[in-house]
Amino acid sequence: MAEKRGSWRATIREDRKRLRQALEESPSLKPYFYEVFGLCYDDARLLAADETELDVAIFGEQSPFTSEQTLDPDFLPEVEKLNY
């Protein structure tokens, strides 16, 4: 399980890095990020269901994290404490 968590954290950090770079290169995209945040979460819950082989319904219909937390390079949720 520790290997999975390390991989999970690395994926989050890499994706945040790419997102941050895209927003730095094109600051006009930031309002669009906020606009599509919910749609991106919908995609993410489908991917999470596929990855974990859990029913998609176990993942909340709305993100348990704010868009600001999602962009925060130091924020990593405590998976055990999520109410899924």
Protein backbone atom coordinates (compact mmCIF):
# COMPACT_ATOMS: atom_id res chain seq x y z
CA MET A 1 0.00 0.00 0.00
CA ALA A 2 2.89 2.39 0.72
CA GLU A 3 4.07 2.04 -2.88
CA LYS A 4 0.59 2.99 -4.11
CA ARG A 5 0.51 6.06 -1.88
CA GLY A 6 3.93 7.19 -3.06
CA SER A 7 2.85 6.82 -6.67
CA TRP A 8 -0.42 8.63 -5.90
CA ARG A 9 1.43 11.54 -4.29
CA ALA A 10 3.92 11.76 -7.15
CA THR A 11 1.08 11.86 -9.68
CA ILE A 12 -0.67 14.67 -7.80
CA ARG A 13 2.53 16.69 -7.52
CA GLU A 14 3.37 16.22 -11.21
CA ASP A 15 -0.12 17.18 -12.36
CA ARG A 16 -0.12 20.25 -10.12
CA LYS A 17 3.28 21.26 -11.51
CA ARG A 18 1.95 21.02 -15.07
CA LEU A 19 -1.18 22.95 -14.18
CA ARG A 20 0.81 25.66 -12.42
CA GLN A 21 3.13 25.98 -15.44
CA ALA A 22 0.18 26.26 -17.82
CA LEU A 23 -1.42 28.96 -15.67
CA GLU A 24 1.88 30.85 -15.42
CA GLU A 25 2.36 30.72 -19.20
CA SER A 26 -1.25 31.73 -19.85
CA PRO A 27 -2.68 33.59 -16.84
CA SER A 28 -5.90 34.18 -18.76
CA LEU A 29 -6.64 30.45 -18.28
CA LYS A 30 -7.12 30.81 -14.52
CA PRO A 31 -10.78 31.93 -14.75
CA TYR A 32 -11.38 28.97 -17.08
CA PHE A 33 -9.86 26.64 -14.48
CA TYR A 34 -12.41 27.82 -11.93
CA GLU A 35 -15.19 27.50 -14.50
CA VAL A 36 -14.42 23.86 -15.34
CA PHE A 37 -13.27 22.71 -11.90
CA GLY A 38 -16.49 20.76 -11.28
CA LEU A 39 -16.33 19.08 -14.69
CA CYS A 40 -12.72 18.09 -14.05
CA TYR A 41 -13.76 16.56 -10.74
CA ASP A 42 -16.43 14.54 -12.55
CA ASP A 43 -13.71 13.14 -14.83
CA ALA A 44 -11.43 12.49 -11.85
CA ARG A 45 -14.03 10.49 -9.96
CA LEU A 46 -14.52 8.23 -12.99
CA LEU A 47 -10.77 7.72 -13.22
CA ALA A 48 -10.57 7.05 -9.47
CA ALA A 49 -13.35 4.48 -9.74
CA ASP A 50 -11.53 2.75 -12.59
CA GLU A 51 -8.19 2.83 -10.75
CA THR A 52 -9.58 1.55 -7.44
CA GLU A 53 -12.23 -0.74 -8.95
CA LEU A 54 -14.75 0.86 -6.60
CA ASP A 55 -18.22 1.97 -7.64
CA VAL A 56 -18.18 5.60 -8.79
CA ALA A 57 -21.03 6.32 -6.36
CA ILE A 58 -18.60 5.91 -3.45
CA PHE A 59 -16.90 9.14 -4.51
CA GLY A 60 -18.87 12.25 -3.67
CA GLU A 61 -20.65 14.07 -6.47
CA GLN A 62 -18.82 17.27 -5.52
CA SER A 63 -15.13 17.64 -4.80
CA PRO A 64 -14.30 17.48 -1.09
CA PHE A 65 -11.48 19.93 -1.88
CA THR A 66 -11.61 23.53 -2.96
CA SER A 67 -10.07 24.70 -6.22
CA GLU A 68 -7.49 26.57 -4.10
CA GLN A 69 -6.50 23.36 -2.30
CA THR A 70 -6.18 21.67 -5.66
CA LEU A 71 -3.65 24.26 -6.79
CA ASP A 72 -1.74 24.33 -3.48
CA PRO A 73 1.58 22.48 -4.00
CA ASP A 74 1.77 21.64 -0.29
CA PHE A 75 -1.76 20.30 0.15
CA LEU A 76 -2.11 16.53 0.27
CA PRO A 77 -5.37 15.16 1.65
CA GLU A 78 -5.40 12.54 4.34
CA VAL A 79 -7.11 9.74 2.44
CA GLU A 80 -8.10 7.85 5.56
CA LYS A 81 -10.16 10.84 6.77
CA LEU A 82 -12.23 11.32 3.60
CA ASN A 83 -15.90 10.54 4.01
CA TYR A 84 -16.48 8.43 0.94
